[in-house]
PDB file of N, CA and C in Angstrom:
ATOM      1  N   UNK A   1       0.850  -1.172   0.000  1.00  0.00           N
ATOM      2  CA  UNK A   1       0.000   0.000   0.000  1.00  0.00           C
ATOM      3  C   UNK A   1       0.898   1.239   0.000  1.00  0.00           C
ATOM      4  N   UNK A   2       0.536   2.207  -0.824  1.00  0.00           N
ATOM      5  CA  UNK A   2       1.294   3.450  -0.944  1.00  0.00           C
ATOM      6  C   UNK A   2       0.735   4.499   0.008  1.00  0.00           C
ATOM      7  N   UNK A   3       1.613   5.256   0.634  1.00  0.00           N
ATOM      8  CA  UNK A   3       1.204   6.369   1.480  1.00  0.00           C
ATOM      9  C   UNK A   3       1.597   7.653   0.772  1.00  0.00           C
ATOM     10  N   UNK A   4       0.621   8.528   0.605  1.00  0.00           N
ATOM     11  CA  UNK A   4       0.835   9.810  -0.057  1.00  0.00           C
ATOM     12  C   UNK A   4       0.544  10.921   0.947  1.00  0.00           C
ATOM     13  N   UNK A   5       1.550  11.722   1.265  1.00  0.00           N
ATOM     14  CA  UNK A   5       1.379  12.856   2.175  1.00  0.00           C
ATOM     15  C   UNK A   5       1.281  14.102   1.309  1.00  0.00           C
ATOM     16  N   UNK A   6       0.111  14.713   1.296  1.00  0.00           N
ATOM     17  CA  UNK A   6      -0.107  15.893   0.471  1.00  0.00           C
ATOM     18  C   UNK A   6       0.680  17.091   1.011  1.00  0.00           C
ATOM     19  N   UNK A   7       0.985  18.067   0.151  1.00  0.00           N
ATOM     20  CA  UNK A   7       1.830  19.205   0.554  1.00  0.00           C
ATOM     21  C   UNK A   7       1.348  19.952   1.798  1.00  0.00           C
ATOM     22  N   UNK A   8       0.050  20.166   1.933  1.00  0.00           N
ATOM     23  CA  UNK A   8      -0.420  20.899   3.123  1.00  0.00           C
ATOM     24  C   UNK A   8      -0.213  20.081   4.391  1.00  0.00           C
ATOM     25  N   UNK A   9      -0.304  18.768   4.301  1.00  0.00           N
ATOM     26  CA  UNK A   9      -0.027  17.922   5.461  1.00  0.00           C
ATOM     27  C   UNK A   9       1.460  17.987   5.806  1.00  0.00           C
ATOM     28  N   UNK A  10       2.308  18.061   4.783  1.00  0.00           N
ATOM     29  CA  UNK A  10       3.745  18.228   5.026  1.00  0.00           C
ATOM     30  C   UNK A  10       3.995  19.552   5.743  1.00  0.00           C
ATOM     31  N   UNK A  11       3.275  20.600   5.336  1.00  0.00           N
ATOM     32  CA  UNK A  11       3.391  21.892   6.024  1.00  0.00           C
ATOM     33  C   UNK A  11       2.919  21.803   7.472  1.00  0.00           C
ATOM     34  N   UNK A  12       1.879  21.001   7.717  1.00  0.00           N
ATOM     35  CA  UNK A  12       1.407  20.798   9.095  1.00  0.00           C
ATOM     36  C   UNK A  12       2.509  20.182   9.945  1.00  0.00           C
ATOM     37  N   UNK A  13       3.194  19.185   9.398  1.00  0.00           N
ATOM     38  CA  UNK A  13       4.280  18.525  10.130  1.00  0.00           C
ATOM     39  C   UNK A  13       5.380  19.529  10.438  1.00  0.00           C
ATOM     40  N   UNK A  14       5.732  20.338   9.454  1.00  0.00           N
ATOM     41  CA  UNK A  14       6.780  21.335   9.652  1.00  0.00           C
ATOM     42  C   UNK A  14       6.390  22.357  10.721  1.00  0.00           C
ATOM     43  N   UNK A  15       5.154  22.790  10.709  1.00  0.00           N
ATOM     44  CA  UNK A  15       4.668  23.746  11.705  1.00  0.00           C
ATOM     45  C   UNK A  15       4.741  23.158  13.115  1.00  0.00           C
ATOM     46  N   UNK A  16       4.279  21.913  13.259  1.00  0.00           N
ATOM     47  CA  UNK A  16       4.336  21.255  14.569  1.00  0.00           C
ATOM     48  C   UNK A  16       5.786  20.996  14.988  1.00  0.00           C
ATOM     49  N   UNK A  17       6.615  20.617  14.035  1.00  0.00           N
ATOM     50  CA  UNK A  17       8.039  20.422  14.316  1.00  0.00           C
ATOM     51  C   UNK A  17       8.623  21.693  14.920  1.00  0.00           C
ATOM     52  N   UNK A  18       8.366  22.830  14.300  1.00  0.00           N
ATOM     53  CA  UNK A  18       8.898  24.111  14.802  1.00  0.00           C
ATOM     54  C   UNK A  18       8.378  24.415  16.200  1.00  0.00           C
ATOM     55  N   UNK A  19       7.076  24.166  16.410  1.00  0.00           N
ATOM     56  CA  UNK A  19       6.497  24.407  17.739  1.00  0.00           C
ATOM     57  C   UNK A  19       7.213  23.590  18.801  1.00  0.00           C
ATOM     58  N   UNK A  20       7.354  22.294  18.556  1.00  0.00           N
ATOM     59  CA  UNK A  20       7.973  21.433  19.561  1.00  0.00           C
ATOM     60  C   UNK A  20       9.466  21.708  19.716  1.00  0.00           C
ATOM     61  N   UNK A  21      10.120  22.093  18.661  1.00  0.00           N
ATOM     62  CA  UNK A  21      11.549  22.410  18.752  1.00  0.00           C
ATOM     63  C   UNK A  21      11.761  23.662  19.599  1.00  0.00           C
ATOM     64  N   UNK A  22      10.806  24.592  19.573  1.00  0.00           N
ATOM     65  CA  UNK A  22      10.889  25.785  20.429  1.00  0.00           C
ATOM     66  C   UNK A  22      10.672  25.436  21.892  1.00  0.00           C
ATOM     67  N   UNK A  23       9.928  24.358  22.139  1.00  0.00           N
ATOM     68  CA  UNK A  23       9.675  23.953  23.519  1.00  0.00           C
ATOM     69  C   UNK A  23      10.939  23.388  24.161  1.00  0.00           C
ATOM     70  N   UNK A  24      11.686  22.606  23.398  1.00  0.00           N
ATOM     71  CA  UNK A  24      12.938  22.014  23.894  1.00  0.00           C
ATOM     72  C   UNK A  24      13.743  21.509  22.695  1.00  0.00           C
ATOM     73  N   UNK A  25      15.034  21.812  22.671  1.00  0.00           N
ATOM     74  CA  UNK A  25      15.859  21.329  21.554  1.00  0.00           C
ATOM     75  C   UNK A  25      15.784  19.802  21.435  1.00  0.00           C
ATOM     76  N   UNK A  26      15.544  19.327  20.224  1.00  0.00           N
ATOM     77  CA  UNK A  26      15.452  17.892  19.971  1.00  0.00           C
ATOM     78  C   UNK A  26      14.037  17.354  20.033  1.00  0.00           C
ATOM     79  N   UNK A  27      13.125  18.093  20.680  1.00  0.00           N
ATOM     80  CA  UNK A  27      11.743  17.619  20.784  1.00  0.00           C
ATOM     81  C   UNK A  27      11.062  17.641  19.420  1.00  0.00           C
ATOM     82  N   UNK A  28      11.414  18.607  18.586  1.00  0.00           N
ATOM     83  CA  UNK A  28      10.858  18.659  17.237  1.00  0.00           C
ATOM     84  C   UNK A  28      11.253  17.445  16.428  1.00  0.00           C
ATOM     85  N   UNK A  29      12.499  17.032  16.551  1.00  0.00           N
ATOM     86  CA  UNK A  29      12.972  15.843  15.834  1.00  0.00           C
ATOM     87  C   UNK A  29      12.241  14.595  16.339  1.00  0.00           C
ATOM     88  N   UNK A  30      12.059  14.513  17.659  1.00  0.00           N
ATOM     89  CA  UNK A  30      11.327  13.383  18.234  1.00  0.00           C
ATOM     90  C   UNK A  30       9.884  13.371  17.730  1.00  0.00           C
ATOM     91  N   UNK A  31       9.269  14.561  17.647  1.00  0.00           N
ATOM     92  CA  UNK A  31       7.913  14.670  17.109  1.00  0.00           C
ATOM     93  C   UNK A  31       7.869  14.135  15.679  1.00  0.00           C
ATOM     94  N   UNK A  32       8.783  14.608  14.839  1.00  0.00           N
ATOM     95  CA  UNK A  32       8.806  14.205  13.429  1.00  0.00           C
ATOM     96  C   UNK A  32       8.966  12.685  13.291  1.00  0.00           C
ATOM     97  N   UNK A  33       9.891  12.114  14.054  1.00  0.00           N
ATOM     98  CA  UNK A  33      10.099  10.667  13.990  1.00  0.00           C
ATOM     99  C   UNK A  33       8.857   9.907  14.442  1.00  0.00           C
ATOM    100  N   UNK A  34       8.209  10.411  15.500  1.00  0.00           N
ATOM    101  CA  UNK A  34       6.996   9.763  16.020  1.00  0.00           C
ATOM    102  C   UNK A  34       5.856   9.828  15.013  1.00  0.00           C
ATOM    103  N   UNK A  35       5.690  10.985  14.380  1.00  0.00           N
ATOM    104  CA  UNK A  35       4.612  11.129  13.399  1.00  0.00           C
ATOM    105  C   UNK A  35       4.840  10.223  12.200  1.00  0.00           C
ATOM    106  N   UNK A  36       6.075  10.162  11.728  1.00  0.00           N
ATOM    107  CA  UNK A  36       6.340   9.283  10.588  1.00  0.00           C
ATOM    108  C   UNK A  36       6.130   7.810  10.964  1.00  0.00           C
ATOM    109  N   UNK A  37       6.389   7.447  12.209  1.00  0.00           N
ATOM    110  CA  UNK A  37       6.090   6.080  12.656  1.00  0.00           C
ATOM    111  C   UNK A  37       4.573   5.855  12.678  1.00  0.00           C
ATOM    112  N   UNK A  38       3.817   6.865  13.138  1.00  0.00           N
ATOM    113  CA  UNK A  38       2.355   6.763  13.135  1.00  0.00           C
ATOM    114  C   UNK A  38       1.826   6.638  11.710  1.00  0.00           C
ATOM    115  N   UNK A  39       2.387   7.429  10.804  1.00  0.00           N
ATOM    116  CA  UNK A  39       1.976   7.362   9.400  1.00  0.00           C
ATOM    117  C   UNK A  39       2.286   5.983   8.825  1.00  0.00           C
ATOM    118  N   UNK A  40       3.461   5.488   9.097  1.00  0.00           N
ATOM    119  CA  UNK A  40       3.849   4.166   8.591  1.00  0.00           C
ATOM    120  C   UNK A  40       2.925   3.075   9.133  1.00  0.00           C
ATOM    121  N   UNK A  41       2.468   3.223  10.362  1.00  0.00           N
ATOM    122  CA  UNK A  41       1.585   2.209  10.953  1.00  0.00           C
ATOM    123  C   UNK A  41       0.240   2.139  10.234  1.00  0.00           C
ATOM    124  N   UNK A  42      -0.089   3.183   9.479  1.00  0.00           N
ATOM    125  CA  UNK A  42      -1.338   3.160   8.713  1.00  0.00           C
ATOM    126  C   UNK A  42      -1.348   2.048   7.674  1.00  0.00           C
ATOM    127  N   UNK A  43      -0.184   1.593   7.247  1.00  0.00           N
ATOM    128  CA  UNK A  43      -0.136   0.483   6.286  1.00  0.00           C
ATOM    129  C   UNK A  43      -0.885  -0.738   6.835  1.00  0.00           C
ATOM    130  N   UNK A  44      -0.837  -0.916   8.144  1.00  0.00           N
ATOM    131  CA  UNK A  44      -1.485  -2.075   8.769  1.00  0.00           C
ATOM    132  C   UNK A  44      -2.875  -1.758   9.309  1.00  0.00           C
ATOM    133  N   UNK A  45      -3.132  -0.481   9.624  1.00  0.00           N
ATOM    134  CA  UNK A  45      -4.383  -0.158  10.317  1.00  0.00           C
ATOM    135  C   UNK A  45      -5.330   0.754   9.551  1.00  0.00           C
ATOM    136  N   UNK A  46      -4.964   1.153   8.350  1.00  0.00           N
ATOM    137  CA  UNK A  46      -5.795   2.093   7.589  1.00  0.00           C
ATOM    138  C   UNK A  46      -7.215   1.583   7.436  1.00  0.00           C
ATOM    139  N   UNK A  47      -8.150   2.469   7.680  1.00  0.00           N
ATOM    140  CA  UNK A  47      -9.559   2.143   7.525  1.00  0.00           C
ATOM    141  C   UNK A  47     -10.266   1.762   8.804  1.00  0.00           C
ATOM    142  N   UNK A  48      -9.524   1.451   9.864  1.00  0.00           N
ATOM    143  CA  UNK A  48     -10.172   1.059  11.109  1.00  0.00           C
ATOM    144  C   UNK A  48     -10.499   2.263  11.994  1.00  0.00           C
ATOM    145  N   UNK A  49      -9.973   3.412  11.657  1.00  0.00           N
ATOM    146  CA  UNK A  49     -10.158   4.607  12.481  1.00  0.00           C
ATOM    147  C   UNK A  49     -11.524   5.241  12.231  1.00  0.00           C
ATOM    148  N   UNK A  50     -12.022   5.903  13.272  1.00  0.00           N
ATOM    149  CA  UNK A  50     -13.316   6.570  13.138  1.00  0.00           C
ATOM    150  C   UNK A  50     -13.238   7.664  12.077  1.00  0.00           C
ATOM    151  N   UNK A  51     -14.413   7.988  11.543  1.00  0.00           N
ATOM    152  CA  UNK A  51     -14.478   9.040  10.533  1.00  0.00           C
ATOM    153  C   UNK A  51     -14.912  10.335  11.209  1.00  0.00           C
ATOM    154  N   UNK A  52     -14.178  11.388  10.911  1.00  0.00           N
ATOM    155  CA  UNK A  52     -14.470  12.718  11.434  1.00  0.00           C
ATOM    156  C   UNK A  52     -14.427  13.683  10.266  1.00  0.00           C
ATOM    157  N   UNK A  53     -15.453  14.505  10.133  1.00  0.00           N
ATOM    158  CA  UNK A  53     -15.560  15.428   9.006  1.00  0.00           C
ATOM    159  C   UNK A  53     -15.478  14.667   7.676  1.00  0.00           C
ATOM    160  N   UNK A  54     -15.907  13.405   7.670  1.00  0.00           N
ATOM    161  CA  UNK A  54     -15.940  12.621   6.447  1.00  0.00           C
ATOM    162  C   UNK A  54     -14.653  11.891   6.103  1.00  0.00           C
ATOM    163  N   UNK A  55     -13.657  11.961   6.972  1.00  0.00           N
ATOM    164  CA  UNK A  55     -12.370  11.323   6.709  1.00  0.00           C
ATOM    165  C   UNK A  55     -11.941  10.488   7.891  1.00  0.00           C
ATOM    166  N   UNK A  56     -11.125   9.501   7.640  1.00  0.00           N
ATOM    167  CA  UNK A  56     -10.569   8.712   8.726  1.00  0.00           C
ATOM    168  C   UNK A  56      -9.626   9.596   9.535  1.00  0.00           C
ATOM    169  N   UNK A  57      -9.652   9.394  10.859  1.00  0.00           N
ATOM    170  CA  UNK A  57      -8.790  10.169  11.745  1.00  0.00           C
ATOM    171  C   UNK A  57      -8.057   9.232  12.692  1.00  0.00           C
ATOM    172  N   UNK A  58      -6.745   9.248  12.584  1.00  0.00           N
ATOM    173  CA  UNK A  58      -5.891   8.456  13.463  1.00  0.00           C
ATOM    174  C   UNK A  58      -5.207   9.405  14.437  1.00  0.00           C
ATOM    175  N   UNK A  59      -5.242   9.063  15.715  1.00  0.00           N
ATOM    176  CA  UNK A  59      -4.597   9.889  16.731  1.00  0.00           C
ATOM    177  C   UNK A  59      -3.174   9.378  16.947  1.00  0.00           C
ATOM    178  N   UNK A  60      -2.232  10.314  16.996  1.00  0.00           N
ATOM    179  CA  UNK A  60      -0.834   9.962  17.216  1.00  0.00           C
ATOM    180  C   UNK A  60      -0.673   9.236  18.553  1.00  0.00           C
ATOM    181  N   UNK A  61       0.273   8.326  18.593  1.00  0.00           N
ATOM    182  CA  UNK A  61       0.519   7.553  19.817  1.00  0.00           C
ATOM    183  C   UNK A  61       1.216   8.392  20.898  1.00  0.00           C
ATOM    184  N   UNK A  62       2.010   9.401  20.493  1.00  0.00           N
ATOM    185  CA  UNK A  62       2.835  10.117  21.467  1.00  0.00           C
ATOM    186  C   UNK A  62       2.579  11.611  21.562  1.00  0.00           C
ATOM    187  N   UNK A  63       1.872  12.184  20.604  1.00  0.00           N
ATOM    188  CA  UNK A  63       1.615  13.621  20.606  1.00  0.00           C
ATOM    189  C   UNK A  63       0.132  13.871  20.373  1.00  0.00           C
ATOM    190  N   UNK A  64      -0.383  15.015  20.844  1.00  0.00           N
ATOM    191  CA  UNK A  64      -1.818  15.299  20.692  1.00  0.00           C
ATOM    192  C   UNK A  64      -2.151  15.834  19.301  1.00  0.00           C
ATOM    193  N   UNK A  65      -1.886  15.040  18.286  1.00  0.00           N
ATOM    194  CA  UNK A  65      -2.218  15.419  16.916  1.00  0.00           C
ATOM    195  C   UNK A  65      -2.993  14.291  16.254  1.00  0.00           C
ATOM    196  N   UNK A  66      -3.787  14.676  15.265  1.00  0.00           N
ATOM    197  CA  UNK A  66      -4.582  13.711  14.513  1.00  0.00           C
ATOM    198  C   UNK A  66      -4.142  13.725  13.058  1.00  0.00           C
ATOM    199  N   UNK A  67      -4.142  12.548  12.471  1.00  0.00           N
ATOM    200  CA  UNK A  67      -3.814  12.373  11.060  1.00  0.00           C
ATOM    201  C   UNK A  67      -5.138  12.139  10.324  1.00  0.00           C
ATOM    202  N   UNK A  68      -5.485  13.053   9.423  1.00  0.00           N
ATOM    203  CA  UNK A  68      -6.711  12.951   8.640  1.00  0.00           C
ATOM    204  C   UNK A  68      -6.355  12.390   7.266  1.00  0.00           C
ATOM    205  N   UNK A  69      -6.997  11.285   6.904  1.00  0.00           N
ATOM    206  CA  UNK A  69      -6.631  10.627   5.647  1.00  0.00           C
ATOM    207  C   UNK A  69      -7.836  10.023   4.944  1.00  0.00           C
ATOM    208  N   UNK A  70      -7.628   9.734   3.662  1.00  0.00           N
ATOM    209  CA  UNK A  70      -8.589   8.998   2.847  1.00  0.00           C
ATOM    210  C   UNK A  70      -7.941   7.682   2.471  1.00  0.00           C
ATOM    211  N   UNK A  71      -8.763   6.675   2.296  1.00  0.00           N
ATOM    212  CA  UNK A  71      -8.274   5.351   1.934  1.00  0.00           C
ATOM    213  C   UNK A  71      -8.867   4.945   0.596  1.00  0.00           C
ATOM    214  N   UNK A  72      -7.996   4.569  -0.308  1.00  0.00           N
ATOM    215  CA  UNK A  72      -8.393   4.052  -1.613  1.00  0.00           C
ATOM    216  C   UNK A  72      -7.906   2.615  -1.682  1.00  0.00           C
ATOM    217  N   UNK A  73      -8.149   1.934  -2.776  1.00  0.00           N
ATOM    218  CA  UNK A  73      -7.796   0.518  -2.916  1.00  0.00           C
ATOM    219  C   UNK A  73      -6.352   0.235  -2.513  1.00  0.00           C
ATOM    220  N   UNK A  74      -5.411   1.027  -2.997  1.00  0.00           N
ATOM    221  CA  UNK A  74      -4.006   0.767  -2.681  1.00  0.00           C
ATOM    222  C   UNK A  74      -3.234   2.033  -2.296  1.00  0.00           C
ATOM    223  N   UNK A  75      -3.984   3.096  -1.919  1.00  0.00           N
ATOM    224  CA  UNK A  75      -3.356   4.363  -1.556  1.00  0.00           C
ATOM    225  C   UNK A  75      -3.983   4.914  -0.279  1.00  0.00           C
ATOM    226  N   UNK A  76      -3.129   5.359   0.620  1.00  0.00           N
ATOM    227  CA  UNK A  76      -3.544   6.110   1.803  1.00  0.00           C
ATOM    228  C   UNK A  76      -3.115   7.549   1.532  1.00  0.00           C
ATOM    229  N   UNK A  77      -4.073   8.439   1.426  1.00  0.00           N
ATOM    230  CA  UNK A  77      -3.770   9.839   1.121  1.00  0.00           C
ATOM    231  C   UNK A  77      -3.974  10.682   2.381  1.00  0.00           C
ATOM    232  N   UNK A  78      -2.883  11.241   2.890  1.00  0.00           N
ATOM    233  CA  UNK A  78      -2.925  12.052   4.110  1.00  0.00           C
ATOM    234  C   UNK A  78      -3.121  13.506   3.720  1.00  0.00           C
ATOM    235  N   UNK A  79      -4.196  14.086   4.252  1.00  0.00           N
ATOM    236  CA  UNK A  79      -4.559  15.462   3.930  1.00  0.00           C
ATOM    237  C   UNK A  79      -4.130  16.454   4.995  1.00  0.00           C
ATOM    238  N   UNK A  80      -4.117  16.047   6.252  1.00  0.00           N
ATOM    239  CA  UNK A  80      -3.816  16.989   7.326  1.00  0.00           C
ATOM    240  C   UNK A  80      -3.286  16.261   8.545  1.00  0.00           C
ATOM    241  N   UNK A  81      -2.453  16.975   9.292  1.00  0.00           N
ATOM    242  CA  UNK A  81      -1.966  16.503  10.589  1.00  0.00           C
ATOM    243  C   UNK A  81      -2.111  17.702  11.516  1.00  0.00           C
ATOM    244  N   UNK A  82      -3.153  17.658  12.358  1.00  0.00           N
ATOM    245  CA  UNK A  82      -3.538  18.828  13.132  1.00  0.00           C
ATOM    246  C   UNK A  82      -3.547  18.561  14.637  1.00  0.00           C
ATOM    247  N   UNK A  83      -3.249  19.604  15.393  1.00  0.00           N
ATOM    248  CA  UNK A  83      -3.219  19.552  16.847  1.00  0.00           C
ATOM    249  C   UNK A  83      -4.636  19.357  17.384  1.00  0.00           C
ATOM    250  N   UNK A  84      -4.845  18.316  18.152  1.00  0.00           N
ATOM    251  CA  UNK A  84      -6.170  17.990  18.712  1.00  0.00           C
ATOM    252  C   UNK A  84      -6.603  18.958  19.810  1.00  0.00           C
ATOM    253  N   UNK A  85      -5.673  19.739  20.318  1.00  0.00           N
ATOM    254  CA  UNK A  85      -6.017  20.662  21.402  1.00  0.00           C
ATOM    255  C   UNK A  85      -6.699  21.930  20.887  1.00  0.00           C
ATOM    256  N   UNK A  86      -6.728  22.088  19.578  1.00  0.00           N
ATOM    257  CA  UNK A  86      -7.367  23.257  18.989  1.00  0.00           C
ATOM    258  C   UNK A  86      -8.878  23.121  19.088  1.00  0.00           C
ATOM    259  N   UNK A  87      -9.551  24.250  19.012  1.00  0.00           N
ATOM    260  CA  UNK A  87     -11.003  24.284  19.008  1.00  0.00           C
ATOM    261  C   UNK A  87     -11.515  23.485  17.812  1.00  0.00           C
ATOM    262  N   UNK A  88     -12.487  22.599  18.016  1.00  0.00           N
ATOM    263  CA  UNK A  88     -13.009  21.804  16.891  1.00  0.00           C
ATOM    264  C   UNK A  88     -13.514  22.663  15.729  1.00  0.00           C
ATOM    265  N   UNK A  89     -14.034  23.843  16.023  1.00  0.00           N
ATOM    266  CA  UNK A  89     -14.463  24.746  14.949  1.00  0.00           C
ATOM    267  C   UNK A  89     -13.263  25.173  14.113  1.00  0.00           C
ATOM    268  N   UNK A  90     -12.139  25.418  14.769  1.00  0.00           N
ATOM    269  CA  UNK A  90     -10.911  25.784  14.041  1.00  0.00           C
ATOM    270  C   UNK A  90     -10.476  24.614  13.160  1.00  0.00           C
ATOM    271  N   UNK A  91     -10.518  23.408  13.703  1.00  0.00           N
ATOM    272  CA  UNK A  91     -10.108  22.236  12.934  1.00  0.00           C
ATOM    273  C   UNK A  91     -10.995  22.075  11.704  1.00  0.00           C
ATOM    274  N   UNK A  92     -12.298  22.156  11.900  1.00  0.00           N
ATOM    275  CA  UNK A  92     -13.231  22.006  10.777  1.00  0.00           C
ATOM    276  C   UNK A  92     -12.955  23.068   9.715  1.00  0.00           C
ATOM    277  N   UNK A  93     -12.763  24.302  10.155  1.00  0.00           N
ATOM    278  CA  UNK A  93     -12.487  25.398   9.219  1.00  0.00           C
ATOM    279  C   UNK A  93     -11.156  25.178   8.502  1.00  0.00           C
ATOM    280  N   UNK A  94     -10.144  24.720   9.252  1.00  0.00           N
ATOM    281  CA  UNK A  94      -8.826  24.491   8.677  1.00  0.00           C
ATOM    282  C   UNK A  94      -8.866  23.388   7.630  1.00  0.00           C
ATOM    283  N   UNK A  95      -9.635  22.365   7.899  1.00  0.00           N
ATOM    284  CA  UNK A  95      -9.742  21.266   6.944  1.00  0.00           C
ATOM    285  C   UNK A  95     -10.414  21.732   5.661  1.00  0.00           C
ATOM    286  N   UNK A  96     -11.471  22.519   5.827  1.00  0.00           N
ATOM    287  CA  UNK A  96     -12.203  23.133   4.733  1.00  0.00           C
ATOM    288  C   UNK A  96     -11.978  22.580   3.344  1.00  0.00           C
ATOM    289  N   UNK A  97     -11.370  23.387   2.508  1.00  0.00           N
ATOM    290  CA  UNK A  97     -11.190  23.041   1.095  1.00  0.00           C
ATOM    291  C   UNK A  97     -10.243  21.876   0.869  1.00  0.00           C
ATOM    292  N   UNK A  98      -9.268  21.712   1.727  1.00  0.00           N
ATOM    293  CA  UNK A  98      -8.293  20.656   1.436  1.00  0.00           C
ATOM    294  C   UNK A  98      -8.821  19.259   1.724  1.00  0.00           C
ATOM    295  N   UNK A  99      -9.896  19.170   2.458  1.00  0.00           N
ATOM    296  CA  UNK A  99     -10.446  17.858   2.796  1.00  0.00           C
ATOM    297  C   UNK A  99     -11.809  17.632   2.178  1.00  0.00           C
ATOM    298  N   UNK A 100     -11.876  17.712   0.896  1.00  0.00           N
ATOM    299  CA  UNK A 100     -13.115  17.392   0.209  1.00  0.00           C
ATOM    300  C   UNK A 100     -13.099  15.924  -0.160  1.00  0.00           C
ATOM    301  N   UNK A 101     -14.030  15.145   0.382  1.00  0.00           N
ATOM    302  CA  UNK A 101     -14.021  13.716   0.068  1.00  0.00           C
ATOM    303  C   UNK A 101     -14.141  13.469  -1.432  1.00  0.00           C
ATOM    304  N   UNK A 102     -13.377  12.513  -1.894  1.00  0.00           N
ATOM    305  CA  UNK A 102     -13.485  12.078  -3.284  1.00  0.00           C
ATOM    306  C   UNK A 102     -13.633  10.571  -3.274  1.00  0.00           C
ATOM    307  N   UNK A 103     -14.194  10.056  -4.309  1.00  0.00           N
ATOM    308  CA  UNK A 103     -14.415   8.619  -4.398  1.00  0.00           C
ATOM    309  C   UNK A 103     -13.352   7.905  -5.205  1.00  0.00           C
ATOM    310  N   UNK A 104     -12.444   8.667  -5.801  1.00  0.00           N
ATOM    311  CA  UNK A 104     -11.427   8.040  -6.617  1.00  0.00           C
ATOM    312  C   UNK A 104     -10.161   8.885  -6.621  1.00  0.00           C
ATOM    313  N   UNK A 105      -9.123   8.318  -7.129  1.00  0.00           N
ATOM    314  CA  UNK A 105      -7.875   9.038  -7.263  1.00  0.00           C
ATOM    315  C   UNK A 105      -7.977  10.006  -8.431  1.00  0.00           C
ATOM    316  N   UNK A 106      -7.280  11.160  -8.347  1.00  0.00           N
ATOM    317  CA  UNK A 106      -7.330  12.111  -9.458  1.00  0.00           C
ATOM    318  C   UNK A 106      -6.666  11.568 -10.708  1.00  0.00           C
TER     319      UNK A 106
END
């Protein structure tokens, strides 16, 4: 199964990396490694996560972030990686245009 991380999700990772790196040197790197491990685990668990805003949502094992993704026959497409501590209205608004459900690959 292929994992595709869309550009805005990559930007989400970078933003969170910077936040955690400001908290303590090296914490950003630990965050990045943990998130990529969570993403990789989707190869085995994709599709079992609850749907939120029309997309599967996997919660990180070590950080308060959620991975929003779509599942196709052989592709896991990650649209967003967002901090769960944010107001749900902010999350819904942030997902907005980038998380429009589709039934097929482009």
